[in-house]
Amino acid sequence: MNYLTGLLLLLFMHTAMASQCRVNGGLWQDVTYNSLYIYAPVLTHPGSGRILLDGYLMECRYTPDGFPATVKDYWHTYTNALVPGPKFLNYRMGLRINNVDYPIPVGPRIHLATMSNNGRGVDLRTYMYILTQGSPGSPIDIRRGDLLGTMVLKQTNNTGNPVEPVVRVYLYADNNFVVEPSTCTINNNQSIDINFSTVDSTQIGESVSSTPIRMPVRLNYSCPDPGVTLPIKITLKGTASSFNANVLGMSNINLGAGLLRAGVLIGPEQSFNSMINNSSGGDDVVFALIRQSGSTPAAGAFNASGTLVMGVP
């Protein structure tokens, strides 16, 4: 009889600590061996000196188990509640919990949510953030499947059950994105409009060196922190043309736009080095319109888009 009583007690202890979580209304996942692996599509939202990594809904619930409706689970932070993923180790991070920022090291006993015994999901409202900096830094290139960080949480309840597991939530990116922690800007973060206007398709050259259709552009670099002097790297992000990998593709497949700096062609995903002195700098570049060899581009409007990203060599 003593053995039977002990076995029943173990079963009760197990069910009382059961929980489930899900992302964006998907399937519920069991918290197995006090671990939870979450894949979330993440968005970046700059503001107030930090970039919030959110854009998804993570809910958890008390798993129905036959206990009275008055039973509740409470989720809190545990000691060192955020362990950043490998790509964030050199940055200042934190957790935003219920609209309050907690920088690393995130302490224990910060209340996240209460789960009633009703089977309903509760939004944890807990997201990672990265603090911005007023000097250049390399963009953080996140790929789908990268570990963003581990949230270390404590689960308690009002049953008097002594089992209070520490739950580790491993948050993985379910998408590709780039985080730019620097608040230094190119042209004050304003869009650069490269307007080639109306052109005669027969006058468009087949290479960046031969085409007469060109547009000069001034790039101005600035950093909010005073006295910043260091080398920088400017990278062109965009989709390459199908006929020339060194120029940006355009809506007209027979056209492409090349970026030249000091006469050197900078292709998509390629970079050039520059300099910031006393928190400012700049470069003169040229955008050149070319056509596919032997083609006569169809008449009509054409467009393309790209992004210039500032980093460090």
C-alpha atoms as a PDB file:
ATOM      1  CA  MET A   1       0.000   0.000   0.000  1.00  0.00           C
ATOM      2  CA  ASN A   2       2.850   2.379   0.743  1.00  0.00           C
ATOM      3  CA  TYR A   3       4.273   1.711  -2.691  1.00  0.00           C
ATOM      4  CA  LEU A   4       0.923   2.359  -4.345  1.00  0.00           C
ATOM      5  CA  THR A   5       0.516   5.667  -2.500  1.00  0.00           C
ATOM      6  CA  GLY A   6       3.977   6.755  -3.565  1.00  0.00           C
ATOM      7  CA  LEU A   7       3.231   5.942  -7.183  1.00  0.00           C
ATOM      8  CA  LEU A   8       0.043   7.964  -7.167  1.00  0.00           C
ATOM      9  CA  LEU A   9       1.880  10.909  -5.652  1.00  0.00           C
ATOM     10  CA  LEU A  10       4.440  10.789  -8.454  1.00  0.00           C
ATOM     11  CA  LEU A  11       1.673  10.808 -11.036  1.00  0.00           C
ATOM     12  CA  PHE A  12       0.062  13.841  -9.435  1.00  0.00           C
ATOM     13  CA  MET A  13       3.391  15.622  -9.327  1.00  0.00           C
ATOM     14  CA  HIS A  14       3.909  14.965 -13.023  1.00  0.00           C
ATOM     15  CA  THR A  15       0.506  16.197 -14.165  1.00  0.00           C
ATOM     16  CA  ALA A  16       0.625  19.314 -12.023  1.00  0.00           C
ATOM     17  CA  MET A  17       3.699  20.567 -13.884  1.00  0.00           C
ATOM     18  CA  ALA A  18       2.359  19.886 -17.385  1.00  0.00           C
ATOM     19  CA  SER A  19       2.155  22.892 -19.710  1.00  0.00           C
ATOM     20  CA  GLN A  20       1.864  23.540 -23.406  1.00  0.00           C
ATOM     21  CA  CYS A  21       2.857  26.458 -25.634  1.00  0.00           C
ATOM     22  CA  ARG A  22       2.327  27.482 -29.255  1.00  0.00           C
ATOM     23  CA  VAL A  23       3.318  30.221 -31.722  1.00  0.00           C
ATOM     24  CA  ASN A  24       0.878  32.240 -33.846  1.00  0.00           C
ATOM     25  CA  GLY A  25      -2.059  29.936 -33.168  1.00  0.00           C
ATOM     26  CA  GLY A  26      -0.241  26.792 -34.305  1.00  0.00           C
ATOM     27  CA  LEU A  27      -0.210  23.368 -32.694  1.00  0.00           C
ATOM     28  CA  TRP A  28       0.286  23.137 -28.946  1.00  0.00           C
ATOM     29  CA  GLN A  29       3.711  21.819 -27.940  1.00  0.00           C
ATOM     30  CA  ASP A  30       4.324  20.017 -24.677  1.00  0.00           C
ATOM     31  CA  VAL A  31       6.959  21.354 -22.319  1.00  0.00           C
ATOM     32  CA  THR A  32       9.032  18.170 -22.406  1.00  0.00           C
ATOM     33  CA  TYR A  33      11.730  17.577 -19.806  1.00  0.00           C
ATOM     34  CA  ASN A  34      11.327  21.234 -18.831  1.00  0.00           C
ATOM     35  CA  SER A  35      12.411  22.406 -22.300  1.00  0.00           C
ATOM     36  CA  LEU A  36      10.501  24.070 -25.109  1.00  0.00           C
ATOM     37  CA  TYR A  37      11.767  24.669 -28.652  1.00  0.00           C
ATOM     38  CA  ILE A  38      10.041  27.564 -30.394  1.00  0.00           C
ATOM     39  CA  TYR A  39      10.445  28.577 -34.054  1.00  0.00           C
ATOM     40  CA  ALA A  40       9.087  32.087 -34.557  1.00  0.00           C
ATOM     41  CA  PRO A  41       8.920  34.457 -37.541  1.00  0.00           C
ATOM     42  CA  VAL A  42      10.620  37.527 -36.099  1.00  0.00           C
ATOM     43  CA  LEU A  43      10.282  41.197 -37.044  1.00  0.00           C
ATOM     44  CA  THR A  44      12.588  44.021 -35.973  1.00  0.00           C
ATOM     45  CA  HIS A  45      11.079  47.210 -34.559  1.00  0.00           C
ATOM     46  CA  PRO A  46      13.512  50.053 -33.734  1.00  0.00           C
ATOM     47  CA  GLY A  47      12.646  52.612 -31.084  1.00  0.00           C
ATOM     48  CA  SER A  48      13.613  54.131 -27.723  1.00  0.00           C
ATOM     49  CA  GLY A  49      17.270  53.139 -27.921  1.00  0.00           C
ATOM     50  CA  ARG A  50      16.638  49.491 -28.713  1.00  0.00           C
ATOM     51  CA  ILE A  51      15.453  47.138 -31.432  1.00  0.00           C
ATOM     52  CA  LEU A  52      12.650  44.797 -30.398  1.00  0.00           C
ATOM     53  CA  LEU A  53      12.664  41.273 -31.841  1.00  0.00           C
ATOM     54  CA  ASP A  54       8.947  40.562 -31.956  1.00  0.00           C
ATOM     55  CA  GLY A  55       6.200  40.127 -34.545  1.00  0.00           C
ATOM     56  CA  TYR A  56       4.939  36.784 -33.260  1.00  0.00           C
ATOM     57  CA  LEU A  57       2.460  35.589 -30.618  1.00  0.00           C
ATOM     58  CA  MET A  58       3.691  33.011 -28.095  1.00  0.00           C
ATOM     59  CA  GLU A  59       0.974  31.570 -25.872  1.00  0.00           C
ATOM     60  CA  CYS A  60       1.176  29.012 -23.087  1.00  0.00           C
ATOM     61  CA  ARG A  61      -1.593  27.271 -21.170  1.00  0.00           C
ATOM     62  CA  TYR A  62      -2.288  25.067 -18.185  1.00  0.00           C
ATOM     63  CA  THR A  63      -2.873  21.634 -19.646  1.00  0.00           C
ATOM     64  CA  PRO A  64      -6.250  20.290 -18.448  1.00  0.00           C
ATOM     65  CA  ASP A  65      -5.616  17.393 -16.068  1.00  0.00           C
ATOM     66  CA  GLY A  66      -8.682  16.894 -13.889  1.00  0.00           C
ATOM     67  CA  PHE A  67      -7.605  19.304 -11.165  1.00  0.00           C
ATOM     68  CA  PRO A  68     -10.189  21.818  -9.861  1.00  0.00           C
ATOM     69  CA  ALA A  69     -10.866  24.945 -11.924  1.00  0.00           C
ATOM     70  CA  THR A  70      -9.251  27.043  -9.193  1.00  0.00           C
ATOM     71  CA  VAL A  71      -5.800  25.583  -9.958  1.00  0.00           C
ATOM     72  CA  LYS A  72      -3.384  28.018 -11.622  1.00  0.00           C
ATOM     73  CA  ASP A  73       0.175  28.070 -12.924  1.00  0.00           C
ATOM     74  CA  TYR A  74       2.392  31.132 -12.555  1.00  0.00           C
ATOM     75  CA  TRP A  75       5.314  31.810 -14.885  1.00  0.00           C
ATOM     76  CA  HIS A  76       8.197  34.008 -13.738  1.00  0.00           C
ATOM     77  CA  THR A  77      11.754  34.683 -14.791  1.00  0.00           C
ATOM     78  CA  TYR A  78      14.523  32.648 -13.217  1.00  0.00           C
ATOM     79  CA  THR A  79      18.099  33.716 -12.446  1.00  0.00           C
ATOM     80  CA  ASN A  80      19.889  34.923 -15.613  1.00  0.00           C
ATOM     81  CA  ALA A  81      16.608  34.646 -17.472  1.00  0.00           C
ATOM     82  CA  LEU A  82      18.065  35.439 -20.909  1.00  0.00           C
ATOM     83  CA  VAL A  83      21.010  33.709 -22.540  1.00  0.00           C
ATOM     84  CA  PRO A  84      21.622  35.337 -25.963  1.00  0.00           C
ATOM     85  CA  GLY A  85      22.267  33.169 -28.996  1.00  0.00           C
ATOM     86  CA  PRO A  86      25.753  32.972 -30.555  1.00  0.00           C
ATOM     87  CA  LYS A  87      25.225  35.873 -32.981  1.00  0.00           C
ATOM     88  CA  PHE A  88      24.185  38.243 -30.174  1.00  0.00           C
ATOM     89  CA  LEU A  89      26.929  37.489 -27.656  1.00  0.00           C
ATOM     90  CA  ASN A  90      28.828  40.745 -28.298  1.00  0.00           C
ATOM     91  CA  TYR A  91      25.776  42.988 -27.947  1.00  0.00           C
ATOM     92  CA  ARG A  92      23.794  44.412 -25.077  1.00  0.00           C
ATOM     93  CA  MET A  93      20.536  42.503 -24.864  1.00  0.00           C
ATOM     94  CA  GLY A  94      17.480  42.264 -22.664  1.00  0.00           C
ATOM     95  CA  LEU A  95      13.920  41.007 -22.287  1.00  0.00           C
ATOM     96  CA  ARG A  96      10.837  43.153 -22.746  1.00  0.00           C
ATOM     97  CA  ILE A  97       8.180  41.688 -20.442  1.00  0.00           C
ATOM     98  CA  ASN A  98       4.672  43.148 -20.408  1.00  0.00           C
ATOM     99  CA  ASN A  99       5.992  46.375 -21.999  1.00  0.00           C
ATOM    100  CA  VAL A 100       8.819  46.808 -19.462  1.00  0.00           C
ATOM    101  CA  ASP A 101      12.500  46.493 -20.477  1.00  0.00           C
ATOM    102  CA  TYR A 102      14.847  44.376 -18.350  1.00  0.00           C
ATOM    103  CA  PRO A 103      18.504  44.483 -19.492  1.00  0.00           C
ATOM    104  CA  ILE A 104      20.892  41.572 -19.057  1.00  0.00           C
ATOM    105  CA  PRO A 105      21.411  40.116 -16.519  1.00  0.00           C
ATOM    106  CA  VAL A 106      17.653  39.630 -16.239  1.00  0.00           C
ATOM    107  CA  GLY A 107      16.861  38.803 -12.621  1.00  0.00           C
ATOM    108  CA  PRO A 108      14.450  36.267 -11.116  1.00  0.00           C
ATOM    109  CA  ARG A 109      10.808  36.537  -9.986  1.00  0.00           C
ATOM    110  CA  ILE A 110       9.570  38.879 -12.741  1.00  0.00           C
ATOM    111  CA  HIS A 111       5.970  37.810 -13.384  1.00  0.00           C
ATOM    112  CA  LEU A 112       5.144  36.895 -16.982  1.00  0.00           C
ATOM    113  CA  ALA A 113       1.682  35.368 -16.895  1.00  0.00           C
ATOM    114  CA  THR A 114      -0.921  33.408 -14.932  1.00  0.00           C
ATOM    115  CA  MET A 115      -2.413  30.278 -16.541  1.00  0.00           C
ATOM    116  CA  SER A 116      -5.819  29.275 -15.219  1.00  0.00           C
ATOM    117  CA  ASN A 117      -7.019  25.681 -15.461  1.00  0.00           C
ATOM    118  CA  ASN A 118      -9.355  26.391 -18.380  1.00  0.00           C
ATOM    119  CA  GLY A 119      -7.345  25.240 -21.405  1.00  0.00           C
ATOM    120  CA  ARG A 120      -7.000  28.770 -22.778  1.00  0.00           C
ATOM    121  CA  GLY A 121      -3.710  30.153 -24.040  1.00  0.00           C
ATOM    122  CA  VAL A 122      -2.154  33.198 -22.376  1.00  0.00           C
ATOM    123  CA  ASP A 123       0.116  35.589 -24.291  1.00  0.00           C
ATOM    124  CA  LEU A 124       3.502  35.655 -22.541  1.00  0.00           C
ATOM    125  CA  ARG A 125       4.209  39.149 -23.962  1.00  0.00           C
ATOM    126  CA  THR A 126       7.932  38.501 -23.609  1.00  0.00           C
ATOM    127  CA  TYR A 127      10.422  39.385 -26.341  1.00  0.00           C
ATOM    128  CA  MET A 128      14.146  39.833 -26.756  1.00  0.00           C
ATOM    129  CA  TYR A 129      15.626  43.218 -27.605  1.00  0.00           C
ATOM    130  CA  ILE A 130      19.034  44.576 -28.540  1.00  0.00           C
ATOM    131  CA  LEU A 131      20.255  47.990 -27.443  1.00  0.00           C
ATOM    132  CA  THR A 132      21.321  50.313 -30.246  1.00  0.00           C
ATOM    133  CA  GLN A 133      24.682  52.051 -30.361  1.00  0.00           C
ATOM    134  CA  GLY A 134      25.738  55.449 -31.688  1.00  0.00           C
ATOM    135  CA  SER A 135      28.792  54.180 -33.549  1.00  0.00           C
ATOM    136  CA  PRO A 136      29.085  51.844 -36.558  1.00  0.00           C
ATOM    137  CA  GLY A 137      28.838  48.111 -36.035  1.00  0.00           C
ATOM    138  CA  SER A 138      28.446  45.130 -38.301  1.00  0.00           C
ATOM    139  CA  PRO A 139      24.855  44.142 -39.155  1.00  0.00           C
ATOM    140  CA  ILE A 140      23.712  40.880 -37.572  1.00  0.00           C
ATOM    141  CA  ASP A 141      22.675  38.488 -40.325  1.00  0.00           C
ATOM    142  CA  ILE A 142      20.110  36.052 -38.915  1.00  0.00           C
ATOM    143  CA  ARG A 143      19.294  32.939 -40.927  1.00  0.00           C
ATOM    144  CA  ARG A 144      16.304  30.673 -40.494  1.00  0.00           C
ATOM    145  CA  GLY A 145      17.116  28.107 -37.813  1.00  0.00           C
ATOM    146  CA  ASP A 146      19.539  30.337 -35.887  1.00  0.00           C
ATOM    147  CA  LEU A 147      19.191  30.225 -32.104  1.00  0.00           C
ATOM    148  CA  LEU A 148      18.204  33.745 -31.037  1.00  0.00           C
ATOM    149  CA  GLY A 149      18.338  33.102 -27.322  1.00  0.00           C
ATOM    150  CA  THR A 150      17.201  31.002 -24.396  1.00  0.00           C
ATOM    151  CA  MET A 151      14.652  32.287 -21.896  1.00  0.00           C
ATOM    152  CA  VAL A 152      14.994  30.635 -18.483  1.00  0.00           C
ATOM    153  CA  LEU A 153      11.642  30.673 -16.678  1.00  0.00           C
ATOM    154  CA  LYS A 154      10.217  29.344 -13.414  1.00  0.00           C
ATOM    155  CA  GLN A 155       6.813  27.661 -13.239  1.00  0.00           C
ATOM    156  CA  THR A 156       4.946  27.618  -9.922  1.00  0.00           C
ATOM    157  CA  ASN A 157       1.326  26.915  -8.995  1.00  0.00           C
ATOM    158  CA  ASN A 158      -1.237  27.310  -6.232  1.00  0.00           C
ATOM    159  CA  THR A 159      -1.705  23.599  -5.522  1.00  0.00           C
ATOM    160  CA  GLY A 160       0.910  23.326  -2.807  1.00  0.00           C
ATOM    161  CA  ASN A 161       2.777  20.932  -5.074  1.00  0.00           C
ATOM    162  CA  PRO A 162       6.495  21.309  -4.310  1.00  0.00           C
ATOM    163  CA  VAL A 163       7.565  20.600  -7.896  1.00  0.00           C
ATOM    164  CA  GLU A 164       8.506  23.985  -9.386  1.00  0.00           C
ATOM    165  CA  PRO A 165      10.310  23.288 -12.651  1.00  0.00           C
ATOM    166  CA  VAL A 166      12.737  25.618 -14.380  1.00  0.00           C
ATOM    167  CA  VAL A 167      11.619  25.814 -18.014  1.00  0.00           C
ATOM    168  CA  ARG A 168      14.098  26.681 -20.765  1.00  0.00           C
ATOM    169  CA  VAL A 169      12.480  28.183 -23.846  1.00  0.00           C
ATOM    170  CA  TYR A 170      14.831  27.936 -26.829  1.00  0.00           C
ATOM    171  CA  LEU A 171      13.813  30.590 -29.371  1.00  0.00           C
ATOM    172  CA  TYR A 172      14.836  29.958 -32.992  1.00  0.00           C
ATOM    173  CA  ALA A 173      14.312  32.203 -36.021  1.00  0.00           C
ATOM    174  CA  ASP A 174      11.771  30.880 -38.506  1.00  0.00           C
ATOM    175  CA  ASN A 175      12.833  33.446 -41.101  1.00  0.00           C
ATOM    176  CA  ASN A 176      15.845  35.352 -42.414  1.00  0.00           C
ATOM    177  CA  PHE A 177      16.383  38.940 -41.289  1.00  0.00           C
ATOM    178  CA  VAL A 178      19.110  41.499 -40.597  1.00  0.00           C
ATOM    179  CA  VAL A 179      19.492  43.462 -37.361  1.00  0.00           C
ATOM    180  CA  GLU A 180      21.347  46.774 -37.616  1.00  0.00           C
ATOM    181  CA  PRO A 181      22.195  47.816 -34.032  1.00  0.00           C
ATOM    182  CA  SER A 182      24.008  50.982 -35.062  1.00  0.00           C
ATOM    183  CA  THR A 183      22.140  54.300 -35.194  1.00  0.00           C
ATOM    184  CA  CYS A 184      24.673  55.725 -37.658  1.00  0.00           C
ATOM    185  CA  THR A 185      22.911  56.569 -40.911  1.00  0.00           C
ATOM    186  CA  ILE A 186      23.405  56.946 -44.648  1.00  0.00           C
ATOM    187  CA  ASN A 187      21.640  60.080 -45.927  1.00  0.00           C
ATOM    188  CA  ASN A 188      19.715  60.293 -42.663  1.00  0.00           C
ATOM    189  CA  ASN A 189      17.986  56.992 -43.495  1.00  0.00           C
ATOM    190  CA  GLN A 190      16.054  58.681 -46.288  1.00  0.00           C
ATOM    191  CA  SER A 191      15.291  56.816 -49.503  1.00  0.00           C
ATOM    192  CA  ILE A 192      17.623  57.590 -52.401  1.00  0.00           C
ATOM    193  CA  ASP A 193      15.633  58.107 -55.595  1.00  0.00           C
ATOM    194  CA  ILE A 194      17.671  57.199 -58.685  1.00  0.00           C
ATOM    195  CA  ASN A 195      15.548  58.661 -61.474  1.00  0.00           C
ATOM    196  CA  PHE A 196      16.923  57.917 -64.934  1.00  0.00           C
ATOM    197  CA  SER A 197      13.916  59.758 -66.401  1.00  0.00           C
ATOM    198  CA  THR A 198      12.969  59.020 -70.030  1.00  0.00           C
ATOM    199  CA  VAL A 199      15.724  57.264 -71.956  1.00  0.00           C
ATOM    200  CA  ASP A 200      16.150  56.036 -75.511  1.00  0.00           C
ATOM    201  CA  SER A 201      16.601  52.262 -75.305  1.00  0.00           C
ATOM    202  CA  THR A 202      19.041  52.347 -78.214  1.00  0.00           C
ATOM    203  CA  GLN A 203      21.331  54.672 -76.252  1.00  0.00           C
ATOM    204  CA  ILE A 204      21.671  52.372 -73.239  1.00  0.00           C
ATOM    205  CA  GLY A 205      25.080  50.725 -73.151  1.00  0.00           C
ATOM    206  CA  GLU A 206      25.749  47.043 -72.578  1.00  0.00           C
ATOM    207  CA  SER A 207      28.300  47.627 -69.809  1.00  0.00           C
ATOM    208  CA  VAL A 208      28.761  50.097 -66.974  1.00  0.00           C
ATOM    209  CA  SER A 209      31.879  51.442 -68.645  1.00  0.00           C
ATOM    210  CA  SER A 210      30.191  52.160 -71.973  1.00  0.00           C
ATOM    211  CA  THR A 211      26.689  53.313 -71.068  1.00  0.00           C
ATOM    212  CA  PRO A 212      26.059  57.066 -71.121  1.00  0.00           C
ATOM    213  CA  ILE A 213      22.968  56.730 -68.907  1.00  0.00           C
ATOM    214  CA  ARG A 214      24.349  57.636 -65.480  1.00  0.00           C
ATOM    215  CA  MET A 215      23.172  59.285 -62.293  1.00  0.00           C
ATOM    216  CA  PRO A 216      25.596  60.735 -59.683  1.00  0.00           C
ATOM    217  CA  VAL A 217      24.591  60.393 -56.020  1.00  0.00           C
ATOM    218  CA  ARG A 218      26.153  61.777 -52.846  1.00  0.00           C
ATOM    219  CA  LEU A 219      26.219  59.453 -49.826  1.00  0.00           C
ATOM    220  CA  ASN A 220      26.492  61.219 -46.472  1.00  0.00           C
ATOM    221  CA  TYR A 221      27.390  59.253 -43.336  1.00  0.00           C
ATOM    222  CA  SER A 222      26.665  60.447 -39.811  1.00  0.00           C
ATOM    223  CA  CYS A 223      26.736  59.029 -36.275  1.00  0.00           C
ATOM    224  CA  PRO A 224      24.897  60.522 -33.268  1.00  0.00           C
ATOM    225  CA  ASP A 225      27.767  59.866 -30.851  1.00  0.00           C
ATOM    226  CA  PRO A 226      30.419  62.621 -30.923  1.00  0.00           C
ATOM    227  CA  GLY A 227      34.032  61.985 -31.873  1.00  0.00           C
ATOM    228  CA  VAL A 228      33.487  58.756 -33.811  1.00  0.00           C
ATOM    229  CA  THR A 229      36.469  58.129 -36.118  1.00  0.00           C
ATOM    230  CA  LEU A 230      36.909  54.679 -37.658  1.00  0.00           C
ATOM    231  CA  PRO A 231      36.818  52.762 -40.953  1.00  0.00           C
ATOM    232  CA  ILE A 232      33.444  51.590 -42.240  1.00  0.00           C
ATOM    233  CA  LYS A 233      32.170  49.209 -44.884  1.00  0.00           C
ATOM    234  CA  ILE A 234      29.217  49.974 -47.179  1.00  0.00           C
ATOM    235  CA  THR A 235      27.424  46.908 -48.572  1.00  0.00           C
ATOM    236  CA  LEU A 236      24.917  46.887 -51.432  1.00  0.00           C
ATOM    237  CA  LYS A 237      21.982  44.570 -50.694  1.00  0.00           C
ATOM    238  CA  GLY A 238      19.621  43.584 -53.469  1.00  0.00           C
ATOM    239  CA  THR A 239      18.757  41.067 -56.185  1.00  0.00           C
ATOM    240  CA  ALA A 240      21.228  40.683 -59.013  1.00  0.00           C
ATOM    241  CA  SER A 241      20.203  40.879 -62.657  1.00  0.00           C
ATOM    242  CA  SER A 242      19.632  37.582 -64.449  1.00  0.00           C
ATOM    243  CA  PHE A 243      22.073  38.568 -67.201  1.00  0.00           C
ATOM    244  CA  ASN A 244      24.796  40.175 -65.070  1.00  0.00           C
ATOM    245  CA  ALA A 245      25.421  39.204 -61.451  1.00  0.00           C
ATOM    246  CA  ASN A 246      27.295  42.457 -60.818  1.00  0.00           C
ATOM    247  CA  VAL A 247      24.331  44.789 -61.344  1.00  0.00           C
ATOM    248  CA  LEU A 248      20.929  45.120 -59.701  1.00  0.00           C
ATOM    249  CA  GLY A 249      18.059  43.454 -61.513  1.00  0.00           C
ATOM    250  CA  MET A 250      15.133  45.585 -62.646  1.00  0.00           C
ATOM    251  CA  SER A 251      11.460  45.021 -63.409  1.00  0.00           C
ATOM    252  CA  ASN A 252      12.430  45.028 -67.097  1.00  0.00           C
ATOM    253  CA  ILE A 253      14.521  41.859 -67.295  1.00  0.00           C
ATOM    254  CA  ASN A 254      16.712  43.323 -70.048  1.00  0.00           C
ATOM    255  CA  LEU A 255      17.847  46.209 -67.848  1.00  0.00           C
ATOM    256  CA  GLY A 256      20.182  46.454 -64.879  1.00  0.00           C
ATOM    257  CA  ALA A 257      21.673  49.167 -62.679  1.00  0.00           C
ATOM    258  CA  GLY A 258      25.305  49.180 -61.605  1.00  0.00           C
ATOM    259  CA  LEU A 259      26.825  51.044 -58.651  1.00  0.00           C
ATOM    260  CA  LEU A 260      30.252  52.581 -59.229  1.00  0.00           C
ATOM    261  CA  ARG A 261      32.444  54.065 -56.557  1.00  0.00           C
ATOM    262  CA  ALA A 262      35.715  55.645 -57.747  1.00  0.00           C
ATOM    263  CA  GLY A 263      35.148  53.856 -61.070  1.00  0.00           C
ATOM    264  CA  VAL A 264      34.932  50.416 -59.443  1.00  0.00           C
ATOM    265  CA  LEU A 265      31.750  48.384 -59.932  1.00  0.00           C
ATOM    266  CA  ILE A 266      30.128  47.277 -56.662  1.00  0.00           C
ATOM    267  CA  GLY A 267      27.743  44.386 -57.249  1.00  0.00           C
ATOM    268  CA  PRO A 268      24.886  43.139 -55.058  1.00  0.00           C
ATOM    269  CA  GLU A 269      26.200  41.687 -51.769  1.00  0.00           C
ATOM    270  CA  GLN A 270      29.550  43.382 -52.444  1.00  0.00           C
ATOM    271  CA  SER A 271      31.104  46.190 -50.399  1.00  0.00           C
ATOM    272  CA  PHE A 272      33.503  49.097 -50.468  1.00  0.00           C
ATOM    273  CA  ASN A 273      35.488  50.574 -47.610  1.00  0.00           C
ATOM    274  CA  SER A 274      35.200  54.163 -46.486  1.00  0.00           C
ATOM    275  CA  MET A 275      35.836  56.270 -43.389  1.00  0.00           C
ATOM    276  CA  ILE A 276      34.012  58.246 -40.730  1.00  0.00           C
ATOM    277  CA  ASN A 277      35.942  61.144 -39.215  1.00  0.00           C
ATOM    278  CA  ASN A 278      34.590  62.949 -36.179  1.00  0.00           C
ATOM    279  CA  SER A 279      31.166  61.294 -36.635  1.00  0.00           C
ATOM    280  CA  SER A 280      30.665  62.152 -40.314  1.00  0.00           C
ATOM    281  CA  GLY A 281      31.832  61.150 -43.774  1.00  0.00           C
ATOM    282  CA  GLY A 282      30.680  60.635 -47.318  1.00  0.00           C
ATOM    283  CA  ASP A 283      31.251  59.259 -50.807  1.00  0.00           C
ATOM    284  CA  ASP A 284      30.296  60.195 -54.344  1.00  0.00           C
ATOM    285  CA  VAL A 285      28.948  57.240 -56.302  1.00  0.00           C
ATOM    286  CA  VAL A 286      27.382  56.743 -59.722  1.00  0.00           C
ATOM    287  CA  PHE A 287      24.487  54.530 -60.781  1.00  0.00           C
ATOM    288  CA  ALA A 288      24.728  53.355 -64.391  1.00  0.00           C
ATOM    289  CA  LEU A 289      21.882  51.879 -66.452  1.00  0.00           C
ATOM    290  CA  ILE A 290      22.794  49.002 -68.783  1.00  0.00           C
ATOM    291  CA  ARG A 291      20.946  46.573 -71.046  1.00  0.00           C
ATOM    292  CA  GLN A 292      21.423  42.911 -71.804  1.00  0.00           C
ATOM    293  CA  SER A 293      23.798  42.337 -74.682  1.00  0.00           C
ATOM    294  CA  GLY A 294      21.951  42.215 -78.014  1.00  0.00           C
ATOM    295  CA  SER A 295      18.592  43.145 -76.501  1.00  0.00           C
ATOM    296  CA  THR A 296      16.178  45.965 -77.212  1.00  0.00           C
ATOM    297  CA  PRO A 297      14.380  46.643 -73.916  1.00  0.00           C
ATOM    298  CA  ALA A 298      10.616  47.031 -74.233  1.00  0.00           C
ATOM    299  CA  ALA A 299       9.240  50.541 -73.827  1.00  0.00           C
ATOM    300  CA  GLY A 300       7.603  51.459 -70.548  1.00  0.00           C
ATOM    301  CA  ALA A 301       8.362  52.206 -66.934  1.00  0.00           C
ATOM    302  CA  PHE A 302      11.002  50.206 -65.076  1.00  0.00           C
ATOM    303  CA  ASN A 303      12.144  50.109 -61.469  1.00  0.00           C
ATOM    304  CA  ALA A 304      14.355  48.329 -58.975  1.00  0.00           C
ATOM    305  CA  SER A 305      15.238  48.518 -55.309  1.00  0.00           C
ATOM    306  CA  GLY A 306      18.303  47.955 -53.180  1.00  0.00           C
ATOM    307  CA  THR A 307      19.663  48.790 -49.751  1.00  0.00           C
ATOM    308  CA  LEU A 308      22.981  50.269 -48.655  1.00  0.00           C
ATOM    309  CA  VAL A 309      24.097  48.939 -45.276  1.00  0.00           C
ATOM    310  CA  MET A 310      26.818  50.479 -43.108  1.00  0.00           C
ATOM    311  CA  GLY A 311      29.061  48.183 -41.118  1.00  0.00           C
ATOM    312  CA  VAL A 312      32.677  47.816 -40.100  1.00  0.00           C
ATOM    313  CA  PRO A 313      35.403  45.990 -42.077  1.00  0.00           C
END
